[in-house]
Amino acid sequence: MFDSGQLCFLAATLGLSPYTEGGFVIEIGTYTGSTAAFMGKVLQSLDRDTRVCSIDPFDAFRPDPLNPQGNYGAYQI
């Protein structure tokens, strides 16, 4: 998990990055998805129509309630 300084840096990076309507932000290596959710909130506050996609090898860890090990249906909203 990032500390407050790192989150501020990440938010600034998102704000200064070139914007393409309908674009994507890709996060590779996610655990609970909190950083992806943070990036989504930052982009939403900037009125950017950008999707955040998190990629993680779910089978690399033992399953638990936050990581049901590759059960895609468990992650759908």
N, C-alpha and C. Protein backbone atom coordinates (compact mmCIF):
# COMPACT_ATOMS: atom_id res chain seq x y z
N MET A 1 0.84 -1.17 0.00
CA MET A 1 0.00 0.00 0.00
C MET A 1 0.89 1.24 0.00
N PHE A 2 0.47 2.23 -0.73
CA PHE A 2 1.22 3.47 -0.82
C PHE A 2 0.98 4.36 0.39
N ASP A 3 1.99 5.18 0.73
CA ASP A 3 1.77 6.18 1.77
C ASP A 3 1.18 7.44 1.13
N SER A 4 0.84 8.43 1.94
CA SER A 4 0.15 9.62 1.43
C SER A 4 0.97 10.39 0.40
N GLY A 5 2.28 10.45 0.58
CA GLY A 5 3.14 11.13 -0.39
C GLY A 5 3.14 10.44 -1.74
N GLN A 6 3.19 9.11 -1.72
CA GLN A 6 3.17 8.36 -2.97
C GLN A 6 1.82 8.50 -3.67
N LEU A 7 0.73 8.52 -2.89
CA LEU A 7 -0.59 8.70 -3.49
C LEU A 7 -0.73 10.08 -4.12
N CYS A 8 -0.16 11.10 -3.48
CA CYS A 8 -0.17 12.45 -4.05
C CYS A 8 0.61 12.48 -5.36
N PHE A 9 1.75 11.81 -5.38
CA PHE A 9 2.56 11.74 -6.60
C PHE A 9 1.79 11.02 -7.70
N LEU A 10 1.13 9.92 -7.36
CA LEU A 10 0.34 9.17 -8.34
C LEU A 10 -0.79 10.04 -8.89
N ALA A 11 -1.49 10.76 -8.01
CA ALA A 11 -2.58 11.64 -8.45
C ALA A 11 -2.05 12.73 -9.38
N ALA A 12 -0.90 13.31 -9.04
CA ALA A 12 -0.30 14.34 -9.89
C ALA A 12 0.09 13.77 -11.24
N THR A 13 0.64 12.56 -11.24
CA THR A 13 1.02 11.91 -12.49
C THR A 13 -0.20 11.69 -13.38
N LEU A 14 -1.30 11.23 -12.79
CA LEU A 14 -2.53 11.04 -13.56
C LEU A 14 -3.04 12.37 -14.12
N GLY A 15 -2.95 13.41 -13.32
CA GLY A 15 -3.42 14.72 -13.76
C GLY A 15 -2.58 15.33 -14.86
N LEU A 16 -1.29 15.03 -14.87
CA LEU A 16 -0.39 15.61 -15.86
C LEU A 16 -0.22 14.76 -17.11
N SER A 17 -0.72 13.54 -17.07
CA SER A 17 -0.59 12.63 -18.22
C SER A 17 -1.49 13.08 -19.36
N PRO A 18 -1.03 12.86 -20.60
CA PRO A 18 -1.89 13.21 -21.75
C PRO A 18 -3.21 12.46 -21.66
N TYR A 19 -4.28 13.14 -21.99
CA TYR A 19 -5.62 12.56 -21.88
C TYR A 19 -6.18 12.23 -23.25
N THR A 20 -6.65 11.00 -23.41
CA THR A 20 -7.36 10.56 -24.60
C THR A 20 -8.72 10.07 -24.16
N GLU A 21 -9.77 10.69 -24.68
CA GLU A 21 -11.13 10.30 -24.28
C GLU A 21 -11.34 8.81 -24.55
N GLY A 22 -11.88 8.12 -23.55
CA GLY A 22 -12.13 6.69 -23.67
C GLY A 22 -10.89 5.84 -23.51
N GLY A 23 -9.81 6.43 -23.03
CA GLY A 23 -8.56 5.69 -22.86
C GLY A 23 -8.58 4.77 -21.65
N PHE A 24 -7.45 4.14 -21.40
CA PHE A 24 -7.31 3.19 -20.30
C PHE A 24 -6.08 3.53 -19.47
N VAL A 25 -6.16 3.21 -18.19
CA VAL A 25 -5.00 3.18 -17.29
C VAL A 25 -4.87 1.72 -16.89
N ILE A 26 -3.69 1.16 -17.06
CA ILE A 26 -3.47 -0.25 -16.75
C ILE A 26 -2.58 -0.35 -15.51
N GLU A 27 -3.04 -1.11 -14.52
CA GLU A 27 -2.24 -1.40 -13.33
C GLU A 27 -1.86 -2.87 -13.39
N ILE A 28 -0.58 -3.15 -13.41
CA ILE A 28 -0.13 -4.54 -13.45
C ILE A 28 0.43 -4.87 -12.08
N GLY A 29 -0.18 -5.87 -11.44
CA GLY A 29 0.20 -6.27 -10.10
C GLY A 29 -0.65 -5.57 -9.07
N THR A 30 -1.81 -6.11 -8.82
CA THR A 30 -2.73 -5.52 -7.85
C THR A 30 -3.01 -6.55 -6.77
N TYR A 31 -3.30 -6.10 -5.58
CA TYR A 31 -3.60 -7.05 -4.50
C TYR A 31 -5.07 -6.96 -4.13
N THR A 32 -5.46 -5.88 -3.50
CA THR A 32 -6.87 -5.74 -3.13
C THR A 32 -7.61 -4.76 -4.03
N GLY A 33 -6.89 -4.11 -4.93
CA GLY A 33 -7.53 -3.18 -5.85
C GLY A 33 -7.69 -1.77 -5.32
N SER A 34 -7.14 -1.49 -4.14
CA SER A 34 -7.33 -0.16 -3.57
C SER A 34 -6.62 0.93 -4.37
N THR A 35 -5.46 0.63 -4.96
CA THR A 35 -4.78 1.63 -5.78
C THR A 35 -5.57 1.88 -7.06
N ALA A 36 -6.12 0.82 -7.65
CA ALA A 36 -6.95 0.98 -8.85
C ALA A 36 -8.18 1.83 -8.53
N ALA A 37 -8.79 1.58 -7.38
CA ALA A 37 -9.96 2.37 -6.97
C ALA A 37 -9.56 3.83 -6.76
N PHE A 38 -8.40 4.06 -6.15
CA PHE A 38 -7.90 5.42 -5.95
C PHE A 38 -7.70 6.13 -7.29
N MET A 39 -7.06 5.43 -8.24
CA MET A 39 -6.84 6.04 -9.55
C MET A 39 -8.17 6.35 -10.23
N GLY A 40 -9.15 5.46 -10.09
CA GLY A 40 -10.47 5.71 -10.66
C GLY A 40 -11.12 6.95 -10.08
N LYS A 41 -11.01 7.13 -8.77
CA LYS A 41 -11.58 8.31 -8.12
C LYS A 41 -10.86 9.59 -8.57
N VAL A 42 -9.54 9.53 -8.69
CA VAL A 42 -8.79 10.70 -9.16
C VAL A 42 -9.23 11.06 -10.57
N LEU A 43 -9.30 10.08 -11.45
CA LEU A 43 -9.70 10.34 -12.84
C LEU A 43 -11.13 10.87 -12.91
N GLN A 44 -11.99 10.33 -12.06
CA GLN A 44 -13.38 10.80 -12.01
C GLN A 44 -13.42 12.27 -11.57
N SER A 45 -12.61 12.62 -10.58
CA SER A 45 -12.60 14.01 -10.09
C SER A 45 -12.04 14.97 -11.14
N LEU A 46 -11.24 14.44 -12.08
CA LEU A 46 -10.70 15.25 -13.17
C LEU A 46 -11.63 15.26 -14.39
N ASP A 47 -12.81 14.64 -14.24
CA ASP A 47 -13.79 14.52 -15.34
C ASP A 47 -13.19 13.85 -16.57
N ARG A 48 -12.41 12.81 -16.32
CA ARG A 48 -11.81 12.06 -17.43
C ARG A 48 -12.54 10.74 -17.62
N ASP A 49 -12.96 10.50 -18.85
CA ASP A 49 -13.64 9.26 -19.20
C ASP A 49 -12.57 8.20 -19.50
N THR A 50 -11.96 7.71 -18.45
CA THR A 50 -10.85 6.76 -18.56
C THR A 50 -11.14 5.56 -17.68
N ARG A 51 -10.98 4.37 -18.22
CA ARG A 51 -11.19 3.15 -17.44
C ARG A 51 -9.87 2.71 -16.82
N VAL A 52 -9.97 2.11 -15.64
CA VAL A 52 -8.81 1.56 -14.96
C VAL A 52 -8.92 0.05 -15.02
N CYS A 53 -7.89 -0.59 -15.52
CA CYS A 53 -7.86 -2.05 -15.64
C CYS A 53 -6.71 -2.59 -14.78
N SER A 54 -7.02 -3.51 -13.88
CA SER A 54 -6.00 -4.13 -13.03
C SER A 54 -5.74 -5.54 -13.50
N ILE A 55 -4.48 -5.89 -13.60
CA ILE A 55 -4.07 -7.22 -14.05
C ILE A 55 -3.22 -7.84 -12.95
N ASP A 56 -3.56 -9.07 -12.58
CA ASP A 56 -2.80 -9.77 -11.56
C ASP A 56 -2.87 -11.27 -11.81
N PRO A 57 -1.77 -12.00 -11.57
CA PRO A 57 -1.81 -13.46 -11.71
C PRO A 57 -2.46 -14.08 -10.48
N PHE A 58 -3.77 -14.20 -10.50
CA PHE A 58 -4.50 -14.63 -9.32
C PHE A 58 -4.05 -15.99 -8.78
N ASP A 59 -3.51 -16.84 -9.62
CA ASP A 59 -3.12 -18.17 -9.17
C ASP A 59 -1.78 -18.18 -8.44
N ALA A 60 -1.12 -17.05 -8.33
CA ALA A 60 0.18 -17.00 -7.65
C ALA A 60 0.06 -16.99 -6.13
N PHE A 61 -1.16 -16.85 -5.60
CA PHE A 61 -1.37 -16.76 -4.16
C PHE A 61 -2.46 -17.72 -3.73
N ARG A 62 -2.47 -18.03 -2.45
CA ARG A 62 -3.56 -18.85 -1.92
C ARG A 62 -4.84 -18.03 -1.92
N PRO A 63 -5.98 -18.66 -2.19
CA PRO A 63 -7.23 -17.91 -2.21
C PRO A 63 -7.62 -17.42 -0.82
N ASP A 64 -8.25 -16.26 -0.77
CA ASP A 64 -8.83 -15.72 0.45
C ASP A 64 -10.03 -14.87 0.02
N PRO A 65 -10.79 -14.29 0.94
CA PRO A 65 -11.98 -13.54 0.54
C PRO A 65 -11.70 -12.37 -0.42
N LEU A 66 -10.50 -11.78 -0.34
CA LEU A 66 -10.18 -10.67 -1.24
C LEU A 66 -9.58 -11.14 -2.56
N ASN A 67 -9.16 -12.38 -2.63
CA ASN A 67 -8.55 -12.94 -3.83
C ASN A 67 -9.06 -14.35 -4.05
N PRO A 68 -10.23 -14.50 -4.70
CA PRO A 68 -10.80 -15.83 -4.87
C PRO A 68 -10.13 -16.65 -5.96
N GLN A 69 -8.88 -16.37 -6.26
CA GLN A 69 -8.01 -17.15 -7.12
C GLN A 69 -8.59 -17.42 -8.50
N GLY A 70 -8.69 -16.36 -9.28
CA GLY A 70 -9.06 -16.51 -10.67
C GLY A 70 -10.54 -16.68 -10.94
N ASN A 71 -11.39 -16.54 -9.94
CA ASN A 71 -12.83 -16.65 -10.13
C ASN A 71 -13.33 -15.31 -10.66
N TYR A 72 -13.34 -15.16 -11.99
CA TYR A 72 -13.68 -13.88 -12.61
C TYR A 72 -15.04 -13.37 -12.16
N GLY A 73 -16.00 -14.24 -12.01
CA GLY A 73 -17.34 -13.84 -11.60
C GLY A 73 -17.36 -13.14 -10.25
N ALA A 74 -16.43 -13.48 -9.37
CA ALA A 74 -16.37 -12.86 -8.05
C ALA A 74 -15.92 -11.41 -8.11
N TYR A 75 -15.34 -10.99 -9.24
CA TYR A 75 -14.84 -9.63 -9.38
C TYR A 75 -15.78 -8.72 -10.16
N GLN A 76 -16.80 -9.28 -10.77
CA GLN A 76 -17.71 -8.47 -11.57
C GLN A 76 -18.58 -7.60 -10.68
N ILE A 77 -18.80 -6.38 -11.14
CA ILE A 77 -19.63 -5.44 -10.38
C ILE A 77 -21.05 -5.50 -10.90
